């Protein structure tokens, strides 16, 4: 059976992935599947650069505002529900566009990766969180002993994913890397990557975006989230929100909080670059070397050839 065709637009933050996906959707009948581990949560709007309500109304988007901030949403869920969505979008005669910077989600959905579906273990998670509170870095050290492959790819400060990997190990007796095995890729995918070569220009783009988010009310958004949900795992593991939450709690000055926000966004972009660079099928476009118009034109040419194959 002929596999369904999917376009994936991926890459680090601040490179224009959303804008390109919208431009494609304006010219080709398409629906957009957000591939962002924070866009799935309600109320995380400004600080995640979530597509606006107008953009979502213009072109149908999926996996945006699907769960509350105090609920869990896993890569396994994304892969399972995303596969169903792709089939439905193709059945409607439209092109599915998977767009975002969460590499593990993209891999789970499009590269053929079977994710362990282990239900959340509330008591175990709370115990692991307390251990980390008492000894920062313990989770990463413990995971390094149990599952060094997974520990190597995770940031030592990414508490949520460290807890999840340990949860899988301790519940099943097998490592996350062992259970997250490769299977046959389910779709025919055209991979388009947006990136930037000049790291200093990336820093400028990040600072400009963060400053615009602040002007758009991101601080009030963080304040509201903290008031409603406390210093939850989702808030404290999300770039932009974590450091502003610390400012609101009096743990950082405003200027220091902004410096940390800029720094953590840059670190996120670097991790995203490293993740996607391992995919040899990606066609890369560099936003600091070509105009947006040229990138759009060349991306459309690739998509036209891909659809006609």
Protein backbone atom coordinates (compact mmCIF):
# COMPACT_ATOMS: atom_id res chain seq x y z
CA UNK A 1 0.00 0.00 0.00
CA UNK A 2 1.26 3.46 -0.90
CA UNK A 3 2.27 5.43 2.20
CA UNK A 4 0.68 8.78 2.99
CA UNK A 5 2.78 11.84 2.22
CA UNK A 6 3.69 14.24 5.03
CA UNK A 7 5.75 17.43 5.04
CA UNK A 8 7.76 18.07 8.22
CA UNK A 9 9.09 21.57 8.98
CA UNK A 10 11.51 21.35 11.88
CA UNK A 11 14.50 23.07 13.43
CA UNK A 12 15.54 25.32 16.30
CA UNK A 13 13.49 28.09 17.84
CA UNK A 14 13.26 31.54 16.19
CA UNK A 15 13.85 30.35 12.61
CA UNK A 16 10.37 30.92 11.15
CA UNK A 17 8.90 27.41 11.07
CA UNK A 18 5.37 28.56 11.88
CA UNK A 19 5.48 31.32 9.26
CA UNK A 20 6.63 28.88 6.56
CA UNK A 21 3.96 26.33 7.46
CA UNK A 22 1.29 29.03 7.20
CA UNK A 23 2.58 30.19 3.83
CA UNK A 24 2.42 26.63 2.52
CA UNK A 25 -1.07 26.19 3.93
CA UNK A 26 -2.23 29.35 2.16
CA UNK A 27 -1.21 27.95 -1.23
CA UNK A 28 -1.78 24.21 -0.83
CA UNK A 29 -4.81 22.61 0.88
CA UNK A 30 -3.17 21.56 4.14
CA UNK A 31 -3.63 21.10 7.87
CA UNK A 32 -0.91 21.72 10.43
CA UNK A 33 0.07 19.30 13.19
CA UNK A 34 1.93 21.23 15.88
CA UNK A 35 5.05 19.33 16.94
CA UNK A 36 5.72 21.27 20.14
CA UNK A 37 5.67 19.67 23.58
CA UNK A 38 4.32 22.86 25.17
CA UNK A 39 1.75 23.98 22.60
CA UNK A 40 -0.40 21.04 23.71
CA UNK A 41 -0.99 22.80 27.05
CA UNK A 42 -3.68 25.42 27.53
CA UNK A 43 -2.69 28.93 28.70
CA UNK A 44 0.96 28.56 27.57
CA UNK A 45 0.42 31.05 24.77
CA UNK A 46 2.76 34.02 24.54
CA UNK A 47 5.82 32.31 26.01
CA UNK A 48 5.61 29.37 23.59
CA UNK A 49 5.01 31.51 20.47
CA UNK A 50 1.79 29.58 19.92
CA UNK A 51 0.04 30.35 16.61
CA UNK A 52 -2.54 33.09 17.08
CA UNK A 53 -6.27 32.38 17.12
CA UNK A 54 -6.51 34.04 13.72
CA UNK A 55 -3.79 31.81 12.26
CA UNK A 56 -5.46 28.74 13.75
CA UNK A 57 -8.78 29.81 12.24
CA UNK A 58 -7.20 30.43 8.83
CA UNK A 59 -5.60 26.97 8.62
CA UNK A 60 -6.73 24.05 10.73
CA UNK A 61 -4.18 23.27 13.49
CA UNK A 62 -3.93 20.19 15.69
CA UNK A 63 -2.31 19.47 19.07
CA UNK A 64 -2.81 23.00 20.37
CA UNK A 65 -4.59 23.53 23.72
CA UNK A 66 -5.53 19.89 24.16
CA UNK A 67 -4.72 19.37 27.87
CA UNK A 68 -4.62 21.37 31.11
CA UNK A 69 -1.22 22.40 32.57
CA UNK A 70 -1.64 19.94 35.45
CA UNK A 71 -2.20 16.98 33.11
CA UNK A 72 0.35 14.82 31.32
CA UNK A 73 0.85 14.43 27.59
CA UNK A 74 3.49 12.00 26.33
CA UNK A 75 5.38 11.39 23.10
CA UNK A 76 3.58 8.05 22.86
CA UNK A 77 0.23 9.85 22.87
CA UNK A 78 1.49 12.29 20.27
CA UNK A 79 2.63 9.46 17.99
CA UNK A 80 -0.58 7.45 18.38
CA UNK A 81 -3.00 10.34 17.95
CA UNK A 82 -0.81 12.03 15.33
CA UNK A 83 -0.86 8.91 13.15
CA UNK A 84 -4.65 8.90 13.27
CA UNK A 85 -4.75 12.60 12.39
CA UNK A 86 -2.45 12.16 9.41
CA UNK A 87 -4.74 9.46 8.01
CA UNK A 88 -7.79 11.69 8.52
CA UNK A 89 -6.13 14.73 6.93
CA UNK A 90 -5.05 12.69 3.90
CA UNK A 91 -8.57 11.26 3.61
CA UNK A 92 -9.84 14.85 3.39
CA UNK A 93 -7.53 15.39 0.41
CA UNK A 94 -5.19 17.70 2.28
CA UNK A 95 -1.47 17.71 2.98
CA UNK A 96 -0.43 17.08 6.60
CA UNK A 97 2.30 19.52 7.72
CA UNK A 98 4.07 18.54 10.93
CA UNK A 99 5.65 21.73 12.23
CA UNK A 100 7.73 22.35 15.35
CA UNK A 101 10.95 21.98 17.26
CA UNK A 102 10.34 19.02 19.58
CA UNK A 103 12.62 16.46 17.99
CA UNK A 104 11.53 13.48 20.05
CA UNK A 105 7.88 14.05 19.07
CA UNK A 106 8.83 14.31 15.40
CA UNK A 107 10.88 11.15 15.58
CA UNK A 108 8.15 9.24 17.43
CA UNK A 109 5.53 10.18 14.85
CA UNK A 110 7.45 10.18 11.57
CA UNK A 111 10.67 8.17 11.86
CA UNK A 112 9.21 4.94 13.15
CA UNK A 113 9.94 4.89 16.86
CA UNK A 114 7.93 2.74 19.25
CA UNK A 115 7.57 4.66 22.55
CA UNK A 116 6.93 2.76 25.81
CA UNK A 117 3.38 3.46 26.96
CA UNK A 118 3.88 3.23 30.72
CA UNK A 119 1.08 4.94 32.68
CA UNK A 120 2.18 7.79 35.01
CA UNK A 121 3.12 6.56 38.50
CA UNK A 122 2.09 9.43 40.78
CA UNK A 123 3.77 8.24 43.99
CA UNK A 124 7.01 7.31 42.21
CA UNK A 125 7.12 10.67 40.45
CA UNK A 126 6.62 12.55 43.70
CA UNK A 127 9.37 10.50 45.34
CA UNK A 128 11.80 11.22 42.49
CA UNK A 129 10.93 14.91 42.58
CA UNK A 130 11.70 15.06 46.32
CA UNK A 131 15.02 13.30 45.77
CA UNK A 132 15.99 15.91 43.18
CA UNK A 133 14.88 18.75 45.45
CA UNK A 134 17.22 17.45 48.16
CA UNK A 135 20.14 16.68 45.84
CA UNK A 136 20.18 18.58 42.53
CA UNK A 137 21.58 16.41 39.76
CA UNK A 138 20.65 13.14 41.44
CA UNK A 139 18.10 12.19 38.78
CA UNK A 140 20.61 12.53 35.96
CA UNK A 141 23.27 10.60 37.86
CA UNK A 142 20.81 7.85 38.67
CA UNK A 143 19.61 7.62 35.08
CA UNK A 144 23.24 7.53 33.89
CA UNK A 145 23.67 4.35 35.91
CA UNK A 146 20.43 2.71 34.77
CA UNK A 147 20.20 3.96 31.17
CA UNK A 148 23.35 5.81 30.01
CA UNK A 149 22.09 6.09 26.41
CA UNK A 150 19.00 8.06 27.41
CA UNK A 151 20.90 10.05 30.05
CA UNK A 152 23.39 11.22 27.43
CA UNK A 153 20.70 12.78 25.23
CA UNK A 154 18.82 14.48 28.09
CA UNK A 155 19.70 17.81 29.63
CA UNK A 156 20.61 17.34 33.34
CA UNK A 157 18.11 20.11 34.17
CA UNK A 158 15.24 18.55 32.20
CA UNK A 159 13.56 17.17 35.30
CA UNK A 160 10.34 16.13 33.53
CA UNK A 161 12.04 13.85 30.99
CA UNK A 162 14.51 12.51 33.55
CA UNK A 163 11.63 11.51 35.83
CA UNK A 164 9.79 9.92 32.89
CA UNK A 165 12.84 7.89 31.82
CA UNK A 166 13.43 6.71 35.38
CA UNK A 167 9.73 5.95 35.76
CA UNK A 168 9.89 3.64 32.72
CA UNK A 169 13.09 1.96 33.96
CA UNK A 170 11.87 1.38 37.50
CA UNK A 171 8.37 0.27 36.48
CA UNK A 172 9.29 -2.14 33.67
CA UNK A 173 12.77 -3.26 34.68
CA UNK A 174 13.97 -2.27 31.19
CA UNK A 175 15.69 0.88 29.97
CA UNK A 176 13.83 3.61 28.10
CA UNK A 177 16.34 3.35 25.24
CA UNK A 178 15.69 -0.39 25.00
CA UNK A 179 11.91 0.01 24.89
CA UNK A 180 11.94 2.99 22.52
CA UNK A 181 12.90 0.79 19.60
CA UNK A 182 12.89 1.65 15.92
CA UNK A 183 10.15 0.27 13.69
CA UNK A 184 9.36 0.78 10.02
CA UNK A 185 8.67 4.44 9.24
CA UNK A 186 4.90 4.72 8.70
CA UNK A 187 4.80 7.67 6.30
CA UNK A 188 6.55 9.09 3.25
CA UNK A 189 8.06 12.27 4.70
CA UNK A 190 9.62 15.33 3.11
CA UNK A 191 11.87 16.81 5.79
CA UNK A 192 12.45 20.58 5.61
CA UNK A 193 14.78 22.12 8.18
CA UNK A 194 15.13 25.79 9.06
CA UNK A 195 18.28 26.80 10.91
CA UNK A 196 20.88 29.53 11.29
CA UNK A 197 24.65 29.27 10.92
CA UNK A 198 25.72 32.49 12.66
CA UNK A 199 25.30 31.91 16.40
CA UNK A 200 25.50 35.64 17.16
CA UNK A 201 22.61 36.33 14.79
CA UNK A 202 20.66 33.56 16.52
CA UNK A 203 21.20 35.32 19.85
CA UNK A 204 19.92 38.56 18.32
CA UNK A 205 16.80 36.81 17.01
CA UNK A 206 16.18 35.19 20.40
CA UNK A 207 16.54 38.47 22.27
CA UNK A 208 14.22 40.24 19.84
CA UNK A 209 11.57 37.55 20.20
CA UNK A 210 11.78 37.45 23.99
CA UNK A 211 11.57 41.25 24.20
CA UNK A 212 8.46 41.17 22.00
CA UNK A 213 6.94 38.46 24.21
CA UNK A 214 7.49 40.67 27.25
CA UNK A 215 5.79 43.58 25.49
CA UNK A 216 2.90 41.26 24.57
CA UNK A 217 2.24 40.38 28.22
CA UNK A 218 4.29 37.24 28.89
CA UNK A 219 4.99 38.27 32.49
CA UNK A 220 1.26 38.52 33.24
CA UNK A 221 0.76 35.13 31.57
CA UNK A 222 3.37 33.55 33.85
CA UNK A 223 1.88 35.29 36.89
CA UNK A 224 -1.57 33.91 36.05
CA UNK A 225 -0.25 30.38 35.51
CA UNK A 226 1.65 30.42 38.81
CA UNK A 227 -1.44 31.71 40.63
CA UNK A 228 -3.66 28.99 39.15
CA UNK A 229 -1.33 25.99 39.13
CA UNK A 230 1.55 26.90 41.47
CA UNK A 231 5.16 26.24 40.56
CA UNK A 232 4.16 23.13 38.67
CA UNK A 233 6.43 20.75 36.84
CA UNK A 234 5.24 22.07 33.47
CA UNK A 235 5.97 25.70 34.37
CA UNK A 236 9.38 25.05 35.93
CA UNK A 237 10.48 22.88 32.98
CA UNK A 238 9.47 25.36 30.28
CA UNK A 239 11.84 27.91 28.80
CA UNK A 240 10.71 31.51 29.48
CA UNK A 241 8.29 30.50 32.23
CA UNK A 242 10.80 29.03 34.69
CA UNK A 243 12.98 32.11 35.07
CA UNK A 244 10.10 34.59 35.12
CA UNK A 245 8.44 32.47 37.79
CA UNK A 246 11.62 32.78 39.85
CA UNK A 247 11.52 36.55 39.39
CA UNK A 248 7.93 36.69 40.60
CA UNK A 249 8.94 34.63 43.66
CA UNK A 250 11.74 37.08 44.46
CA UNK A 251 14.50 34.57 43.68
CA UNK A 252 15.91 36.57 40.75
CA UNK A 253 15.98 40.25 39.90
CA UNK A 254 14.09 41.25 36.76
CA UNK A 255 17.30 41.90 34.82
CA UNK A 256 18.85 38.59 35.93
CA UNK A 257 15.66 36.73 35.03
CA UNK A 258 15.78 38.15 31.49
CA UNK A 259 19.43 37.20 31.13
CA UNK A 260 18.53 33.65 32.14
CA UNK A 261 15.60 33.60 29.71
CA UNK A 262 17.88 34.63 26.82
CA UNK A 263 20.49 32.07 27.86
CA UNK A 264 18.06 29.17 28.22
CA UNK A 265 16.46 29.94 24.85
CA UNK A 266 19.88 29.82 23.23
CA UNK A 267 20.67 26.52 24.97
CA UNK A 268 17.34 25.14 23.74
CA UNK A 269 18.14 26.19 20.17
CA UNK A 270 21.55 24.50 20.36
CA UNK A 271 20.00 21.25 21.61
CA UNK A 272 17.41 21.37 18.84
CA UNK A 273 20.12 21.89 16.24
CA UNK A 274 22.08 18.91 17.51
CA UNK A 275 18.98 16.71 17.57
CA UNK A 276 17.86 17.45 14.02
CA UNK A 277 21.38 17.35 12.56
CA UNK A 278 21.31 13.58 13.10
CA UNK A 279 18.55 13.24 10.48
CA UNK A 280 20.26 12.74 7.08
CA UNK A 281 16.98 13.20 5.18
CA UNK A 282 16.60 16.87 6.07
CA UNK A 283 16.84 19.56 3.40
CA UNK A 284 18.27 22.56 5.24
CA UNK A 285 17.55 26.24 4.67
CA UNK A 286 19.51 28.87 6.58
CA UNK A 287 17.58 31.99 7.45
CA UNK A 288 20.73 34.09 7.83
CA UNK A 289 21.90 33.21 4.32
CA UNK A 290 18.69 33.42 2.27
CA UNK A 291 15.67 35.71 2.25
CA UNK A 292 12.33 34.42 3.52
CA UNK A 293 10.96 34.78 0.00
CA UNK A 294 13.72 32.62 -1.50
CA UNK A 295 13.32 29.97 1.18
CA UNK A 296 9.56 29.84 0.59
CA UNK A 297 10.04 29.54 -3.18
CA UNK A 298 12.58 26.71 -2.88
CA UNK A 299 10.50 24.93 -0.24
CA UNK A 300 7.45 25.06 -2.54
CA UNK A 301 9.52 23.56 -5.36
CA UNK A 302 10.55 20.67 -3.12
CA UNK A 303 6.96 20.11 -2.03
CA UNK A 304 5.64 20.16 -5.62
CA UNK A 305 8.19 17.53 -6.66
CA UNK A 306 7.41 15.49 -3.54
CA UNK A 307 3.64 15.49 -4.12
CA UNK A 308 4.06 14.48 -7.78
CA UNK A 309 6.32 11.50 -6.98
